[in-house]
Amino acid sequence: MKISIELTLLPLQNDFEEHIIAFIKKLRASNFKVLENPLSTQIYGDYDSLMPFLTEEIKSSFENLDNAVINLKIIKSDRSNYEPNF
């Protein structure tokens, strides 16, 4: 099953930027399609391979942070080619 995930990592500390950059670089280095914008990152792939990957990467990021929030939106479909029609 294909899924699309929009995520935003929010480190709650002063050196937040380096942690966000490191997290995005790990996503980029994966075999999944990754799209970025100034407010969030989207990653696309098969549920059974993407979810374990994200679980490990989120855990790894959290281990390097004192306090953090991650927002996830998961859509059951591949929306990587979405274009507004209005």
N, C-alpha and C. Protein backbone atom coordinates (compact mmCIF):
# COMPACT_ATOMS: atom_id res chain seq x y z
N MET A 1 0.84 -1.17 0.00
CA MET A 1 0.00 0.00 0.00
C MET A 1 0.89 1.24 0.00
N LYS A 2 0.63 2.14 -0.91
CA LYS A 2 1.39 3.39 -1.01
C LYS A 2 0.85 4.42 -0.03
N ILE A 3 1.77 5.17 0.59
CA ILE A 3 1.37 6.23 1.50
C ILE A 3 2.19 7.49 1.23
N SER A 4 1.64 8.60 1.69
CA SER A 4 2.30 9.90 1.65
C SER A 4 2.32 10.42 3.08
N ILE A 5 3.46 10.93 3.51
CA ILE A 5 3.57 11.45 4.87
C ILE A 5 4.15 12.85 4.83
N GLU A 6 3.45 13.76 5.49
CA GLU A 6 3.98 15.11 5.68
C GLU A 6 4.44 15.18 7.14
N LEU A 7 5.68 15.62 7.34
CA LEU A 7 6.18 15.68 8.70
C LEU A 7 6.94 16.97 8.96
N THR A 8 6.89 17.38 10.21
CA THR A 8 7.60 18.56 10.66
C THR A 8 8.24 18.23 12.00
N LEU A 9 9.57 18.32 12.06
CA LEU A 9 10.31 18.12 13.30
C LEU A 9 10.48 19.48 13.97
N LEU A 10 10.11 19.56 15.23
CA LEU A 10 10.19 20.81 15.99
C LEU A 10 11.04 20.61 17.25
N PRO A 11 12.35 20.75 17.14
CA PRO A 11 13.19 20.67 18.35
C PRO A 11 12.91 21.88 19.25
N LEU A 12 12.68 21.64 20.51
CA LEU A 12 12.36 22.72 21.44
C LEU A 12 13.62 23.12 22.21
N GLN A 13 14.58 23.62 21.46
CA GLN A 13 15.84 24.07 22.04
C GLN A 13 16.50 25.06 21.09
N ASN A 14 17.49 25.78 21.60
CA ASN A 14 18.10 26.87 20.84
C ASN A 14 18.82 26.43 19.58
N ASP A 15 19.45 25.27 19.58
CA ASP A 15 20.20 24.81 18.41
C ASP A 15 19.32 23.94 17.49
N PHE A 16 18.08 24.35 17.31
CA PHE A 16 17.10 23.56 16.57
C PHE A 16 17.47 23.32 15.12
N GLU A 17 18.09 24.33 14.48
CA GLU A 17 18.32 24.25 13.04
C GLU A 17 19.22 23.07 12.65
N GLU A 18 20.29 22.84 13.36
CA GLU A 18 21.20 21.74 13.01
C GLU A 18 20.51 20.39 13.11
N HIS A 19 19.58 20.23 14.05
CA HIS A 19 18.86 18.96 14.20
C HIS A 19 17.86 18.75 13.06
N ILE A 20 17.22 19.81 12.64
CA ILE A 20 16.28 19.72 11.51
C ILE A 20 17.04 19.36 10.23
N ILE A 21 18.15 20.02 10.01
CA ILE A 21 18.96 19.76 8.81
C ILE A 21 19.45 18.31 8.80
N ALA A 22 19.93 17.82 9.94
CA ALA A 22 20.41 16.43 10.01
C ALA A 22 19.28 15.44 9.72
N PHE A 23 18.10 15.72 10.25
CA PHE A 23 16.95 14.84 10.02
C PHE A 23 16.58 14.81 8.54
N ILE A 24 16.50 15.97 7.91
CA ILE A 24 16.15 16.05 6.49
C ILE A 24 17.21 15.35 5.64
N LYS A 25 18.47 15.50 5.98
CA LYS A 25 19.53 14.83 5.21
C LYS A 25 19.40 13.31 5.29
N LYS A 26 18.97 12.78 6.44
CA LYS A 26 18.75 11.33 6.55
C LYS A 26 17.59 10.89 5.67
N LEU A 27 16.55 11.71 5.62
CA LEU A 27 15.42 11.38 4.74
C LEU A 27 15.84 11.41 3.28
N ARG A 28 16.60 12.44 2.91
CA ARG A 28 17.08 12.56 1.52
C ARG A 28 17.95 11.36 1.12
N ALA A 29 18.72 10.83 2.05
CA ALA A 29 19.64 9.72 1.75
C ALA A 29 18.92 8.38 1.59
N SER A 30 17.63 8.35 1.89
CA SER A 30 16.87 7.11 1.77
C SER A 30 16.52 6.84 0.31
N ASN A 31 15.90 5.70 0.08
CA ASN A 31 15.44 5.34 -1.26
C ASN A 31 14.03 5.85 -1.55
N PHE A 32 13.48 6.63 -0.63
CA PHE A 32 12.11 7.13 -0.78
C PHE A 32 12.12 8.49 -1.48
N LYS A 33 11.02 8.81 -2.11
CA LYS A 33 10.87 10.13 -2.73
C LYS A 33 10.62 11.15 -1.61
N VAL A 34 11.42 12.21 -1.59
CA VAL A 34 11.32 13.25 -0.56
C VAL A 34 11.16 14.60 -1.24
N LEU A 35 10.15 15.35 -0.82
CA LEU A 35 9.94 16.72 -1.29
C LEU A 35 9.93 17.63 -0.07
N GLU A 36 10.48 18.82 -0.23
CA GLU A 36 10.57 19.75 0.89
C GLU A 36 9.95 21.09 0.52
N ASN A 37 9.47 21.77 1.54
CA ASN A 37 9.07 23.17 1.40
C ASN A 37 9.50 23.86 2.70
N PRO A 38 9.33 25.15 2.82
CA PRO A 38 9.83 25.84 4.01
C PRO A 38 9.17 25.42 5.33
N LEU A 39 8.01 24.80 5.27
CA LEU A 39 7.28 24.48 6.50
C LEU A 39 7.27 23.00 6.87
N SER A 40 7.51 22.12 5.90
CA SER A 40 7.44 20.69 6.19
C SER A 40 8.19 19.90 5.12
N THR A 41 8.26 18.61 5.36
CA THR A 41 8.88 17.69 4.41
C THR A 41 7.88 16.59 4.13
N GLN A 42 7.80 16.18 2.87
CA GLN A 42 6.93 15.07 2.50
C GLN A 42 7.80 13.90 2.05
N ILE A 43 7.37 12.70 2.43
CA ILE A 43 8.07 11.49 2.02
C ILE A 43 7.02 10.49 1.54
N TYR A 44 7.36 9.77 0.49
CA TYR A 44 6.41 8.89 -0.19
C TYR A 44 7.00 7.50 -0.36
N GLY A 45 6.16 6.48 -0.17
CA GLY A 45 6.65 5.13 -0.40
C GLY A 45 5.64 4.09 0.03
N ASP A 46 6.11 2.86 0.10
CA ASP A 46 5.28 1.73 0.51
C ASP A 46 5.19 1.70 2.03
N TYR A 47 4.00 1.51 2.55
CA TYR A 47 3.76 1.53 4.00
C TYR A 47 4.72 0.61 4.76
N ASP A 48 4.84 -0.63 4.30
CA ASP A 48 5.63 -1.63 5.03
C ASP A 48 7.12 -1.34 5.08
N SER A 49 7.63 -0.54 4.18
CA SER A 49 9.04 -0.17 4.24
C SER A 49 9.25 1.24 4.78
N LEU A 50 8.31 2.14 4.52
CA LEU A 50 8.47 3.53 4.96
C LEU A 50 8.27 3.69 6.47
N MET A 51 7.28 3.04 7.04
CA MET A 51 7.01 3.22 8.46
C MET A 51 8.16 2.74 9.36
N PRO A 52 8.75 1.57 9.13
CA PRO A 52 9.90 1.18 9.96
C PRO A 52 11.09 2.13 9.79
N PHE A 53 11.31 2.60 8.57
CA PHE A 53 12.38 3.57 8.32
C PHE A 53 12.15 4.83 9.15
N LEU A 54 10.94 5.38 9.08
CA LEU A 54 10.64 6.61 9.83
C LEU A 54 10.72 6.39 11.33
N THR A 55 10.27 5.25 11.80
CA THR A 55 10.35 4.94 13.23
C THR A 55 11.79 5.02 13.71
N GLU A 56 12.71 4.44 12.96
CA GLU A 56 14.13 4.47 13.33
C GLU A 56 14.71 5.87 13.26
N GLU A 57 14.38 6.60 12.21
CA GLU A 57 14.94 7.96 12.06
C GLU A 57 14.38 8.93 13.09
N ILE A 58 13.11 8.79 13.44
CA ILE A 58 12.53 9.63 14.48
C ILE A 58 13.17 9.30 15.82
N LYS A 59 13.32 8.03 16.11
CA LYS A 59 13.96 7.63 17.36
C LYS A 59 15.38 8.16 17.44
N SER A 60 16.13 8.04 16.37
CA SER A 60 17.50 8.54 16.33
C SER A 60 17.54 10.04 16.58
N SER A 61 16.65 10.78 15.96
CA SER A 61 16.60 12.23 16.17
C SER A 61 16.22 12.57 17.61
N PHE A 62 15.24 11.88 18.14
CA PHE A 62 14.81 12.14 19.51
C PHE A 62 15.93 11.85 20.52
N GLU A 63 16.76 10.85 20.24
CA GLU A 63 17.86 10.54 21.14
C GLU A 63 18.88 11.66 21.22
N ASN A 64 18.95 12.51 20.20
CA ASN A 64 19.89 13.63 20.17
C ASN A 64 19.27 14.95 20.60
N LEU A 65 18.04 14.92 21.06
CA LEU A 65 17.32 16.14 21.45
C LEU A 65 16.84 16.03 22.89
N ASP A 66 16.86 17.15 23.60
CA ASP A 66 16.30 17.16 24.95
C ASP A 66 14.78 17.14 24.92
N ASN A 67 14.21 17.98 24.05
CA ASN A 67 12.76 18.08 23.91
C ASN A 67 12.44 18.33 22.44
N ALA A 68 11.41 17.65 21.96
CA ALA A 68 11.04 17.83 20.56
C ALA A 68 9.61 17.37 20.33
N VAL A 69 9.04 17.90 19.26
CA VAL A 69 7.71 17.50 18.80
C VAL A 69 7.87 17.12 17.34
N ILE A 70 7.15 16.10 16.91
CA ILE A 70 7.09 15.80 15.48
C ILE A 70 5.62 15.69 15.10
N ASN A 71 5.27 16.42 14.06
CA ASN A 71 3.90 16.37 13.52
C ASN A 71 3.92 15.50 12.27
N LEU A 72 2.99 14.55 12.20
CA LEU A 72 2.88 13.66 11.04
C LEU A 72 1.45 13.68 10.52
N LYS A 73 1.34 13.72 9.20
CA LYS A 73 0.07 13.50 8.53
C LYS A 73 0.31 12.35 7.57
N ILE A 74 -0.47 11.31 7.68
CA ILE A 74 -0.31 10.13 6.84
C ILE A 74 -1.54 9.99 5.95
N ILE A 75 -1.30 9.90 4.66
CA ILE A 75 -2.39 9.75 3.68
C ILE A 75 -2.23 8.41 2.99
N LYS A 76 -3.30 7.68 2.87
CA LYS A 76 -3.27 6.39 2.19
C LYS A 76 -3.39 6.59 0.69
N SER A 77 -2.29 6.94 0.08
CA SER A 77 -2.15 7.04 -1.38
C SER A 77 -0.85 7.78 -1.65
N ASP A 78 -0.37 7.63 -2.85
CA ASP A 78 0.84 8.35 -3.26
C ASP A 78 0.41 9.68 -3.87
N ARG A 79 0.63 10.77 -3.15
CA ARG A 79 0.22 12.10 -3.58
C ARG A 79 1.40 12.91 -4.11
N SER A 80 2.50 12.24 -4.44
CA SER A 80 3.72 12.94 -4.85
C SER A 80 3.57 13.71 -6.15
N ASN A 81 2.61 13.36 -6.97
CA ASN A 81 2.41 14.06 -8.24
C ASN A 81 1.22 15.01 -8.20
N TYR A 82 0.76 15.35 -7.02
CA TYR A 82 -0.40 16.24 -6.89
C TYR A 82 -0.12 17.61 -7.47
N GLU A 83 -1.06 18.09 -8.25
CA GLU A 83 -1.03 19.44 -8.77
C GLU A 83 -2.42 20.03 -8.63
N PRO A 84 -2.53 21.21 -8.06
CA PRO A 84 -3.86 21.84 -7.91
C PRO A 84 -4.50 22.06 -9.28
N ASN A 85 -5.80 21.88 -9.35
CA ASN A 85 -6.51 22.08 -10.61
C ASN A 85 -7.49 23.26 -10.51
N PHE A 86 -7.13 24.23 -9.72
CA PHE A 86 -7.99 25.42 -9.59
C PHE A 86 -7.19 26.69 -9.77
